[in-house]
Amino acid sequence: MPQFIDDSTFGTYFERFEHTAWRLETRRGYASDRAGEKYRRFLGTGTVPDDSRRPWCANVRTQAAQGKRIERVRLVDAPPTQEQLFLLAASASNNEAGEDIRFLWRADAEKLRLPAADFWLFDARRALVLRFDDGDEYLGAELVEDPIRIVEFCQVRDAAWHHAIRREEFVAQVASSV
């Protein structure tokens, strides 16, 4: 039986990790993004305003100043969905704050047999597997501390990170494919 964390504690995982917080994002879009003003503005203008002062980026800067790393790999379809293009544009603020977001074409992820699971991996010791419904609504996060599953998540991280592309290079690939 999965152990779901209390949503009020979700943010503390990003303050209390010791070395690395790493995420794999596999969904084609997220309902929370589609519901936001920033996404609506992106649909109208194709740009995302600088929001590097939001709490997430402030925490990224704090953690980076302590020598900690926050990284993620986002899977992207060919052609990218509107939501994936939005996340690609929005990642500039996160990267500027000190997070390292990279991208991987979904076809390459499938060749690597990466799972279709969104998760955060903290210090290679615990993971939060993010659960969503068919409409991309967030349902909760399952805490995983089982060493066997953690090793599997570490293997996914290593494969995805090795093949992922830095944002600037990926932006150029997307632009040349349109």
N, C-alpha and C. Protein backbone atom coordinates (compact mmCIF):
# COMPACT_ATOMS: atom_id res chain seq x y z
N MET A 1 0.84 -1.19 0.00
CA MET A 1 0.00 0.00 0.00
C MET A 1 0.88 1.25 0.00
N PRO A 2 0.69 2.13 -0.97
CA PRO A 2 1.52 3.35 -1.03
C PRO A 2 1.32 4.23 0.21
N GLN A 3 2.41 4.87 0.61
CA GLN A 3 2.37 5.82 1.73
C GLN A 3 2.41 7.22 1.14
N PHE A 4 1.28 7.94 1.19
CA PHE A 4 1.23 9.29 0.66
C PHE A 4 1.62 10.28 1.75
N ILE A 5 2.38 11.29 1.35
CA ILE A 5 2.77 12.32 2.32
C ILE A 5 1.63 13.31 2.47
N ASP A 6 1.66 14.03 3.55
CA ASP A 6 0.73 15.13 3.77
C ASP A 6 1.19 16.27 2.85
N ASP A 7 0.29 16.79 2.04
CA ASP A 7 0.69 17.84 1.08
C ASP A 7 1.34 19.05 1.76
N SER A 8 1.00 19.30 3.01
CA SER A 8 1.58 20.45 3.70
C SER A 8 3.08 20.26 3.96
N THR A 9 3.58 19.04 3.86
CA THR A 9 5.01 18.79 4.07
C THR A 9 5.80 18.71 2.77
N PHE A 10 5.13 18.78 1.64
CA PHE A 10 5.79 18.61 0.34
C PHE A 10 6.99 19.55 0.20
N GLY A 11 6.81 20.82 0.48
CA GLY A 11 7.88 21.80 0.30
C GLY A 11 9.08 21.58 1.19
N THR A 12 8.89 20.93 2.33
CA THR A 12 10.02 20.73 3.25
C THR A 12 11.07 19.80 2.67
N TYR A 13 10.68 18.92 1.76
CA TYR A 13 11.65 18.03 1.13
C TYR A 13 12.69 18.83 0.34
N PHE A 14 12.32 20.00 -0.14
CA PHE A 14 13.22 20.83 -0.96
C PHE A 14 14.06 21.77 -0.11
N GLU A 15 13.80 21.77 1.18
CA GLU A 15 14.61 22.57 2.10
C GLU A 15 15.55 21.69 2.92
N ARG A 16 15.16 20.42 3.11
CA ARG A 16 15.91 19.55 4.03
C ARG A 16 16.82 18.55 3.35
N PHE A 17 16.83 18.46 2.02
CA PHE A 17 17.74 17.50 1.39
C PHE A 17 19.18 17.96 1.62
N GLU A 18 20.10 17.00 1.55
CA GLU A 18 21.49 17.31 1.88
C GLU A 18 22.36 17.63 0.68
N HIS A 19 22.12 16.95 -0.46
CA HIS A 19 23.02 17.12 -1.60
C HIS A 19 22.29 17.37 -2.91
N THR A 20 21.36 16.47 -3.26
CA THR A 20 20.69 16.57 -4.56
C THR A 20 19.20 16.30 -4.46
N ALA A 21 18.47 17.06 -5.25
CA ALA A 21 17.05 16.80 -5.50
C ALA A 21 16.95 16.70 -7.02
N TRP A 22 16.42 15.59 -7.49
CA TRP A 22 16.40 15.32 -8.93
C TRP A 22 15.00 14.85 -9.34
N ARG A 23 14.51 15.36 -10.47
CA ARG A 23 13.16 15.00 -10.90
C ARG A 23 13.14 14.52 -12.34
N LEU A 24 12.26 13.56 -12.60
CA LEU A 24 11.90 13.16 -13.95
C LEU A 24 10.46 13.60 -14.18
N GLU A 25 10.23 14.37 -15.25
CA GLU A 25 8.89 14.81 -15.63
C GLU A 25 8.51 14.13 -16.94
N THR A 26 7.44 13.36 -16.91
CA THR A 26 7.09 12.56 -18.08
C THR A 26 5.76 12.94 -18.72
N ARG A 27 4.98 13.76 -18.06
CA ARG A 27 3.64 14.06 -18.56
C ARG A 27 3.71 15.04 -19.73
N ARG A 28 2.70 14.99 -20.56
CA ARG A 28 2.63 15.90 -21.72
C ARG A 28 2.12 17.27 -21.32
N GLY A 29 1.58 17.37 -20.11
CA GLY A 29 1.09 18.63 -19.59
C GLY A 29 0.56 18.42 -18.18
N TYR A 30 0.36 19.53 -17.49
CA TYR A 30 -0.11 19.50 -16.11
C TYR A 30 -1.31 20.44 -15.98
N ALA A 31 -2.37 19.95 -15.36
CA ALA A 31 -3.58 20.75 -15.20
C ALA A 31 -3.29 22.03 -14.44
N SER A 32 -2.41 21.98 -13.46
CA SER A 32 -2.09 23.18 -12.67
C SER A 32 -1.47 24.26 -13.54
N ASP A 33 -0.66 23.88 -14.53
CA ASP A 33 -0.10 24.87 -15.45
C ASP A 33 -1.20 25.47 -16.32
N ARG A 34 -2.05 24.62 -16.88
CA ARG A 34 -3.11 25.09 -17.78
C ARG A 34 -4.08 26.04 -17.08
N ALA A 35 -4.22 25.90 -15.77
CA ALA A 35 -5.15 26.74 -15.02
C ALA A 35 -4.57 28.11 -14.68
N GLY A 36 -3.28 28.30 -14.89
CA GLY A 36 -2.62 29.52 -14.44
C GLY A 36 -2.62 30.65 -15.45
N GLU A 37 -2.50 31.86 -14.93
CA GLU A 37 -2.44 33.07 -15.76
C GLU A 37 -1.18 33.07 -16.62
N LYS A 38 -0.09 32.58 -16.07
CA LYS A 38 1.18 32.55 -16.82
C LYS A 38 1.03 31.72 -18.09
N TYR A 39 0.31 30.61 -18.01
CA TYR A 39 0.09 29.76 -19.19
C TYR A 39 -0.80 30.47 -20.19
N ARG A 40 -1.86 31.10 -19.72
CA ARG A 40 -2.75 31.83 -20.63
C ARG A 40 -1.99 32.95 -21.36
N ARG A 41 -1.11 33.62 -20.63
CA ARG A 41 -0.30 34.67 -21.26
C ARG A 41 0.62 34.06 -22.32
N PHE A 42 1.21 32.91 -22.01
CA PHE A 42 2.08 32.23 -22.96
C PHE A 42 1.32 31.88 -24.24
N LEU A 43 0.09 31.39 -24.10
CA LEU A 43 -0.70 31.05 -25.29
C LEU A 43 -0.96 32.27 -26.16
N GLY A 44 -1.11 33.43 -25.52
CA GLY A 44 -1.38 34.65 -26.27
C GLY A 44 -0.15 35.30 -26.87
N THR A 45 0.98 35.19 -26.17
CA THR A 45 2.17 35.93 -26.59
C THR A 45 3.35 35.05 -27.01
N GLY A 46 3.33 33.79 -26.58
CA GLY A 46 4.46 32.91 -26.85
C GLY A 46 5.64 33.14 -25.92
N THR A 47 5.45 34.00 -24.94
CA THR A 47 6.53 34.29 -23.99
C THR A 47 6.04 34.07 -22.56
N VAL A 48 7.00 33.92 -21.68
CA VAL A 48 6.71 33.75 -20.26
C VAL A 48 7.41 34.89 -19.53
N PRO A 49 6.69 35.60 -18.66
CA PRO A 49 7.35 36.68 -17.92
C PRO A 49 8.38 36.14 -16.94
N ASP A 50 9.38 36.93 -16.64
CA ASP A 50 10.38 36.54 -15.65
C ASP A 50 9.69 36.43 -14.29
N ASP A 51 9.76 35.26 -13.72
CA ASP A 51 9.17 35.08 -12.39
C ASP A 51 10.20 34.50 -11.43
N SER A 52 11.43 34.94 -11.60
CA SER A 52 12.54 34.41 -10.81
C SER A 52 12.49 34.84 -9.35
N ARG A 53 11.53 35.67 -8.99
CA ARG A 53 11.41 36.09 -7.59
C ARG A 53 10.40 35.24 -6.81
N ARG A 54 9.77 34.29 -7.50
CA ARG A 54 8.78 33.45 -6.80
C ARG A 54 9.49 32.57 -5.77
N PRO A 55 8.77 32.05 -4.79
CA PRO A 55 9.38 31.27 -3.71
C PRO A 55 10.22 30.08 -4.19
N TRP A 56 9.78 29.39 -5.25
CA TRP A 56 10.56 28.24 -5.73
C TRP A 56 11.98 28.68 -6.09
N CYS A 57 12.10 29.74 -6.89
CA CYS A 57 13.41 30.21 -7.32
C CYS A 57 14.23 30.73 -6.14
N ALA A 58 13.58 31.36 -5.18
CA ALA A 58 14.30 31.83 -4.00
C ALA A 58 14.90 30.64 -3.25
N ASN A 59 14.14 29.57 -3.13
CA ASN A 59 14.67 28.38 -2.46
C ASN A 59 15.79 27.74 -3.27
N VAL A 60 15.65 27.71 -4.58
CA VAL A 60 16.71 27.16 -5.43
C VAL A 60 18.01 27.93 -5.19
N ARG A 61 17.91 29.26 -5.15
CA ARG A 61 19.11 30.07 -4.91
C ARG A 61 19.71 29.76 -3.53
N THR A 62 18.86 29.63 -2.53
CA THR A 62 19.32 29.32 -1.17
C THR A 62 20.04 27.98 -1.14
N GLN A 63 19.44 26.97 -1.75
CA GLN A 63 20.04 25.63 -1.76
C GLN A 63 21.35 25.63 -2.56
N ALA A 64 21.35 26.29 -3.71
CA ALA A 64 22.56 26.34 -4.55
C ALA A 64 23.70 27.04 -3.81
N ALA A 65 23.37 28.08 -3.05
CA ALA A 65 24.40 28.80 -2.28
C ALA A 65 25.04 27.90 -1.23
N GLN A 66 24.33 26.84 -0.83
CA GLN A 66 24.86 25.88 0.15
C GLN A 66 25.56 24.70 -0.54
N GLY A 67 25.70 24.78 -1.87
CA GLY A 67 26.38 23.74 -2.62
C GLY A 67 25.49 22.57 -3.00
N LYS A 68 24.19 22.71 -2.81
CA LYS A 68 23.25 21.63 -3.16
C LYS A 68 22.81 21.79 -4.61
N ARG A 69 22.38 20.68 -5.22
CA ARG A 69 21.95 20.71 -6.62
C ARG A 69 20.47 20.32 -6.71
N ILE A 70 19.75 21.08 -7.53
CA ILE A 70 18.38 20.74 -7.90
C ILE A 70 18.39 20.60 -9.41
N GLU A 71 18.00 19.41 -9.87
CA GLU A 71 18.08 19.10 -11.30
C GLU A 71 16.81 18.37 -11.72
N ARG A 72 16.51 18.45 -13.01
CA ARG A 72 15.40 17.65 -13.53
C ARG A 72 15.56 17.43 -15.02
N VAL A 73 14.89 16.39 -15.48
CA VAL A 73 14.82 16.08 -16.90
C VAL A 73 13.35 16.04 -17.28
N ARG A 74 13.02 16.78 -18.33
CA ARG A 74 11.65 16.82 -18.84
C ARG A 74 11.60 16.09 -20.18
N LEU A 75 10.65 15.18 -20.30
CA LEU A 75 10.44 14.51 -21.58
C LEU A 75 9.58 15.38 -22.47
N VAL A 76 9.91 15.40 -23.77
CA VAL A 76 9.21 16.24 -24.73
C VAL A 76 8.88 15.43 -25.97
N ASP A 77 7.65 15.58 -26.44
CA ASP A 77 7.20 14.90 -27.65
C ASP A 77 7.69 15.63 -28.89
N ALA A 78 7.66 14.94 -30.03
CA ALA A 78 7.98 15.57 -31.32
C ALA A 78 6.75 15.44 -32.21
N PRO A 79 6.04 16.52 -32.48
CA PRO A 79 6.32 17.88 -32.02
C PRO A 79 5.88 18.08 -30.57
N PRO A 80 6.46 19.08 -29.91
CA PRO A 80 6.10 19.35 -28.51
C PRO A 80 4.65 19.81 -28.38
N THR A 81 4.04 19.44 -27.25
CA THR A 81 2.70 19.95 -26.94
C THR A 81 2.84 21.41 -26.53
N GLN A 82 1.72 22.13 -26.52
CA GLN A 82 1.74 23.53 -26.05
C GLN A 82 2.26 23.60 -24.63
N GLU A 83 1.84 22.65 -23.79
CA GLU A 83 2.28 22.65 -22.40
C GLU A 83 3.79 22.42 -22.31
N GLN A 84 4.34 21.56 -23.16
CA GLN A 84 5.78 21.32 -23.14
C GLN A 84 6.55 22.55 -23.62
N LEU A 85 6.01 23.25 -24.61
CA LEU A 85 6.64 24.50 -25.05
C LEU A 85 6.61 25.54 -23.94
N PHE A 86 5.50 25.58 -23.22
CA PHE A 86 5.38 26.49 -22.08
C PHE A 86 6.45 26.17 -21.03
N LEU A 87 6.58 24.89 -20.68
CA LEU A 87 7.58 24.51 -19.67
C LEU A 87 9.00 24.77 -20.15
N LEU A 88 9.24 24.61 -21.43
CA LEU A 88 10.55 24.93 -22.00
C LEU A 88 10.85 26.42 -21.83
N ALA A 89 9.87 27.25 -22.14
CA ALA A 89 10.05 28.70 -21.98
C ALA A 89 10.19 29.08 -20.51
N ALA A 90 9.37 28.50 -19.66
CA ALA A 90 9.37 28.84 -18.24
C ALA A 90 10.63 28.37 -17.52
N SER A 91 11.31 27.40 -18.06
CA SER A 91 12.50 26.85 -17.38
C SER A 91 13.66 27.83 -17.34
N ALA A 92 13.62 28.87 -18.15
CA ALA A 92 14.71 29.84 -18.15
C ALA A 92 14.88 30.47 -16.76
N SER A 93 13.77 30.83 -16.11
CA SER A 93 13.85 31.44 -14.77
C SER A 93 14.41 30.46 -13.76
N ASN A 94 13.98 29.20 -13.84
CA ASN A 94 14.49 28.19 -12.90
C ASN A 94 15.99 28.00 -13.08
N ASN A 95 16.42 27.88 -14.34
CA ASN A 95 17.85 27.68 -14.60
C ASN A 95 18.66 28.88 -14.13
N GLU A 96 18.13 30.07 -14.35
CA GLU A 96 18.84 31.27 -13.92
C GLU A 96 19.00 31.31 -12.40
N ALA A 97 18.02 30.76 -11.69
CA ALA A 97 18.08 30.73 -10.23
C ALA A 97 19.08 29.70 -9.72
N GLY A 98 19.48 28.75 -10.58
CA GLY A 98 20.46 27.76 -10.17
C GLY A 98 20.01 26.32 -10.33
N GLU A 99 18.76 26.10 -10.73
CA GLU A 99 18.30 24.75 -11.02
C GLU A 99 18.83 24.37 -12.41
N ASP A 100 19.07 23.11 -12.62
CA ASP A 100 19.56 22.65 -13.92
C ASP A 100 18.47 21.77 -14.53
N ILE A 101 17.67 22.36 -15.43
CA ILE A 101 16.60 21.63 -16.11
C ILE A 101 17.09 21.28 -17.49
N ARG A 102 17.03 19.99 -17.81
CA ARG A 102 17.44 19.50 -19.12
C ARG A 102 16.26 18.78 -19.76
N PHE A 103 16.41 18.47 -21.04
CA PHE A 103 15.29 17.93 -21.82
C PHE A 103 15.72 16.69 -22.58
N LEU A 104 14.74 15.82 -22.80
CA LEU A 104 14.98 14.56 -23.49
C LEU A 104 13.77 14.28 -24.37
N TRP A 105 14.02 14.01 -25.64
CA TRP A 105 12.93 13.65 -26.52
C TRP A 105 12.28 12.36 -26.02
N ARG A 106 10.97 12.30 -26.06
CA ARG A 106 10.24 11.12 -25.58
C ARG A 106 10.69 9.85 -26.31
N ALA A 107 10.94 9.95 -27.62
CA ALA A 107 11.38 8.78 -28.38
C ALA A 107 12.70 8.23 -27.82
N ASP A 108 13.60 9.13 -27.41
CA ASP A 108 14.86 8.69 -26.82
C ASP A 108 14.63 8.06 -25.45
N ALA A 109 13.70 8.62 -24.68
CA ALA A 109 13.36 8.06 -23.38
C ALA A 109 12.77 6.66 -23.53
N GLU A 110 11.97 6.47 -24.57
CA GLU A 110 11.38 5.15 -24.81
C GLU A 110 12.46 4.14 -25.19
N LYS A 111 13.45 4.57 -25.98
CA LYS A 111 14.56 3.68 -26.32
C LYS A 111 15.33 3.27 -25.07
N LEU A 112 15.41 4.19 -24.10
CA LEU A 112 16.11 3.91 -22.85
C LEU A 112 15.23 3.13 -21.87
N ARG A 113 13.97 2.95 -22.25
CA ARG A 113 12.98 2.26 -21.41
C ARG A 113 12.77 2.96 -20.07
N LEU A 114 12.76 4.30 -20.12
CA LEU A 114 12.47 5.05 -18.90
C LEU A 114 11.00 4.88 -18.55
N PRO A 115 10.68 4.84 -17.28
CA PRO A 115 9.28 4.67 -16.88
C PRO A 115 8.47 5.95 -17.14
N ALA A 116 7.18 5.78 -17.25
CA ALA A 116 6.28 6.92 -17.42
C ALA A 116 5.82 7.41 -16.06
N ALA A 117 6.77 7.69 -15.19
CA ALA A 117 6.46 8.11 -13.82
C ALA A 117 7.16 9.42 -13.52
N ASP A 118 6.40 10.35 -12.94
CA ASP A 118 6.99 11.59 -12.45
C ASP A 118 7.46 11.34 -11.02
N PHE A 119 8.69 11.69 -10.73
CA PHE A 119 9.16 11.52 -9.36
C PHE A 119 10.29 12.49 -9.05
N TRP A 120 10.43 12.77 -7.76
CA TRP A 120 11.57 13.48 -7.22
C TRP A 120 12.41 12.47 -6.45
N LEU A 121 13.71 12.53 -6.60
CA LEU A 121 14.65 11.67 -5.89
C LEU A 121 15.54 12.58 -5.04
N PHE A 122 15.57 12.31 -3.74
CA PHE A 122 16.34 13.15 -2.81
C PHE A 122 17.52 12.36 -2.25
N ASP A 123 18.72 12.85 -2.52
CA ASP A 123 19.95 12.30 -1.96
C ASP A 123 20.08 10.79 -2.19
N ALA A 124 19.46 10.29 -3.24
CA ALA A 124 19.50 8.86 -3.56
C ALA A 124 19.08 8.00 -2.36
N ARG A 125 18.19 8.57 -1.52
CA ARG A 125 17.73 7.84 -0.33
C ARG A 125 16.21 7.76 -0.21
N ARG A 126 15.53 8.73 -0.78
CA ARG A 126 14.06 8.71 -0.72
C ARG A 126 13.54 9.36 -1.99
N ALA A 127 12.32 8.97 -2.33
CA ALA A 127 11.69 9.53 -3.53
C ALA A 127 10.25 9.91 -3.22
N LEU A 128 9.76 10.86 -3.96
CA LEU A 128 8.35 11.19 -3.97
C LEU A 128 7.85 10.90 -5.38
N VAL A 129 6.98 9.92 -5.51
CA VAL A 129 6.38 9.59 -6.79
C VAL A 129 5.09 10.38 -6.89
N LEU A 130 5.02 11.25 -7.89
CA LEU A 130 3.86 12.13 -8.04
C LEU A 130 2.78 11.41 -8.83
N ARG A 131 1.59 11.41 -8.26
CA ARG A 131 0.45 10.72 -8.89
C ARG A 131 -0.50 11.74 -9.50
N PHE A 132 -0.99 11.41 -10.71
CA PHE A 132 -1.91 12.28 -11.45
C PHE A 132 -3.06 11.44 -11.98
N ASP A 133 -4.20 12.10 -12.21
CA ASP A 133 -5.31 11.39 -12.85
C ASP A 133 -5.20 11.56 -14.36
N ASP A 134 -6.16 11.02 -15.08
CA ASP A 134 -6.12 11.07 -16.55
C ASP A 134 -6.23 12.49 -17.11
N GLY A 135 -6.72 13.43 -16.29
CA GLY A 135 -6.82 14.82 -16.71
C GLY A 135 -5.63 15.66 -16.28
N ASP A 136 -4.56 15.02 -15.85
CA ASP A 136 -3.32 15.67 -15.42
C ASP A 136 -3.45 16.44 -14.11
N GLU A 137 -4.50 16.13 -13.34
CA GLU A 137 -4.66 16.75 -12.01
C GLU A 137 -3.79 16.00 -11.02
N TYR A 138 -3.06 16.74 -10.21
CA TYR A 138 -2.20 16.17 -9.17
C TYR A 138 -3.07 15.53 -8.08
N LEU A 139 -2.75 14.28 -7.73
CA LEU A 139 -3.51 13.55 -6.71
C LEU A 139 -2.77 13.43 -5.39
N GLY A 140 -1.46 13.49 -5.43
CA GLY A 140 -0.66 13.34 -4.22
C GLY A 140 0.69 12.75 -4.54
N ALA A 141 1.51 12.67 -3.50
CA ALA A 141 2.87 12.16 -3.65
C ALA A 141 3.09 10.97 -2.72
N GLU A 142 3.56 9.89 -3.31
CA GLU A 142 3.86 8.68 -2.56
C GLU A 142 5.31 8.74 -2.11
N LEU A 143 5.54 8.57 -0.83
CA LEU A 143 6.89 8.52 -0.29
C LEU A 143 7.44 7.11 -0.48
N VAL A 144 8.64 7.03 -1.07
CA VAL A 144 9.31 5.74 -1.27
C VAL A 144 10.67 5.80 -0.59
N GLU A 145 10.91 4.84 0.30
CA GLU A 145 12.21 4.73 0.95
C GLU A 145 12.79 3.32 0.83
N ASP A 146 12.07 2.43 0.15
CA ASP A 146 12.53 1.06 -0.04
C ASP A 146 13.83 1.08 -0.87
N PRO A 147 14.92 0.52 -0.35
CA PRO A 147 16.21 0.59 -1.05
C PRO A 147 16.19 0.02 -2.46
N ILE A 148 15.44 -1.03 -2.69
CA ILE A 148 15.39 -1.62 -4.03
C ILE A 148 14.76 -0.64 -5.03
N ARG A 149 13.66 -0.02 -4.64
CA ARG A 149 13.03 0.96 -5.53
C ARG A 149 13.91 2.19 -5.69
N ILE A 150 14.60 2.59 -4.65
CA ILE A 150 15.49 3.76 -4.75
C ILE A 150 16.61 3.49 -5.74
N VAL A 151 17.18 2.29 -5.72
CA VAL A 151 18.22 1.95 -6.70
C VAL A 151 17.65 2.04 -8.11
N GLU A 152 16.42 1.58 -8.31
CA GLU A 152 15.78 1.69 -9.64
C GLU A 152 15.63 3.14 -10.05
N PHE A 153 15.22 4.01 -9.12
CA PHE A 153 15.10 5.43 -9.43
C PHE A 153 16.47 6.03 -9.76
N CYS A 154 17.50 5.60 -9.06
CA CYS A 154 18.86 6.09 -9.35
C CYS A 154 19.30 5.66 -10.75
N GLN A 155 18.95 4.46 -11.15
CA GLN A 155 19.30 4.01 -12.50
C GLN A 155 18.56 4.82 -13.56
N VAL A 156 17.30 5.13 -13.31
CA VAL A 156 16.54 5.98 -14.22
C VAL A 156 17.18 7.35 -14.30
N ARG A 157 17.52 7.92 -13.14
CA ARG A 157 18.17 9.23 -13.11
C ARG A 157 19.44 9.23 -13.93
N ASP A 158 20.29 8.23 -13.71
CA ASP A 158 21.58 8.19 -14.41
C ASP A 158 21.41 8.09 -15.92
N ALA A 159 20.49 7.25 -16.37
CA ALA A 159 20.26 7.10 -17.81
C ALA A 159 19.67 8.38 -18.40
N ALA A 160 18.67 8.93 -17.75
CA ALA A 160 18.03 10.14 -18.27
C ALA A 160 19.01 11.31 -18.30
N TRP A 161 19.74 11.50 -17.23
CA TRP A 161 20.66 12.64 -17.13
C TRP A 161 21.77 12.53 -18.18
N HIS A 162 22.25 11.33 -18.40
CA HIS A 162 23.32 11.11 -19.38
C HIS A 162 22.89 11.52 -20.79
N HIS A 163 21.63 11.29 -21.13
CA HIS A 163 21.15 11.56 -22.48
C HIS A 163 20.40 12.88 -22.63
N ALA A 164 20.13 13.54 -21.54
CA ALA A 164 19.36 14.79 -21.60
C ALA A 164 20.20 15.92 -22.18
N ILE A 165 19.51 16.90 -22.72
CA ILE A 165 20.13 18.01 -23.43
C ILE A 165 19.90 19.30 -22.65
N ARG A 166 20.95 20.11 -22.54
CA ARG A 166 20.82 21.41 -21.86
C ARG A 166 19.76 22.26 -22.57
N ARG A 167 19.14 23.13 -21.82
CA ARG A 167 18.01 23.92 -22.30
C ARG A 167 18.33 24.67 -23.59
N GLU A 168 19.43 25.38 -23.63
CA GLU A 168 19.75 26.21 -24.78
C GLU A 168 19.87 25.38 -26.06
N GLU A 169 20.53 24.24 -25.95
CA GLU A 169 20.68 23.36 -27.10
C GLU A 169 19.32 22.78 -27.51
N PHE A 170 18.50 22.45 -26.53
CA PHE A 170 17.20 21.88 -26.83
C PHE A 170 16.29 22.91 -27.49
N VAL A 171 16.34 24.14 -27.03
CA VAL A 171 15.56 25.22 -27.65
C VAL A 171 15.92 25.31 -29.13
N ALA A 172 17.21 25.23 -29.44
CA ALA A 172 17.65 25.29 -30.84
C ALA A 172 17.12 24.10 -31.64
N GLN A 173 17.11 22.91 -31.03
CA GLN A 173 16.58 21.73 -31.73
C GLN A 173 15.09 21.88 -32.01
N VAL A 174 14.34 22.40 -31.03
CA VAL A 174 12.91 22.60 -31.20
C VAL A 174 12.67 23.62 -32.31
N ALA A 175 13.41 24.71 -32.29
CA ALA A 175 13.23 25.76 -33.30
C ALA A 175 13.53 25.25 -34.70
N SER A 176 14.54 24.40 -34.83
CA SER A 176 14.90 23.90 -36.15
C SER A 176 13.95 22.81 -36.64
N SER A 177 13.15 22.26 -35.73
CA SER A 177 12.23 21.21 -36.15
C SER A 177 10.84 21.72 -36.52
N VAL A 178 10.62 23.02 -36.32
CA VAL A 178 9.30 23.57 -36.62
C VAL A 178 9.21 24.07 -38.03
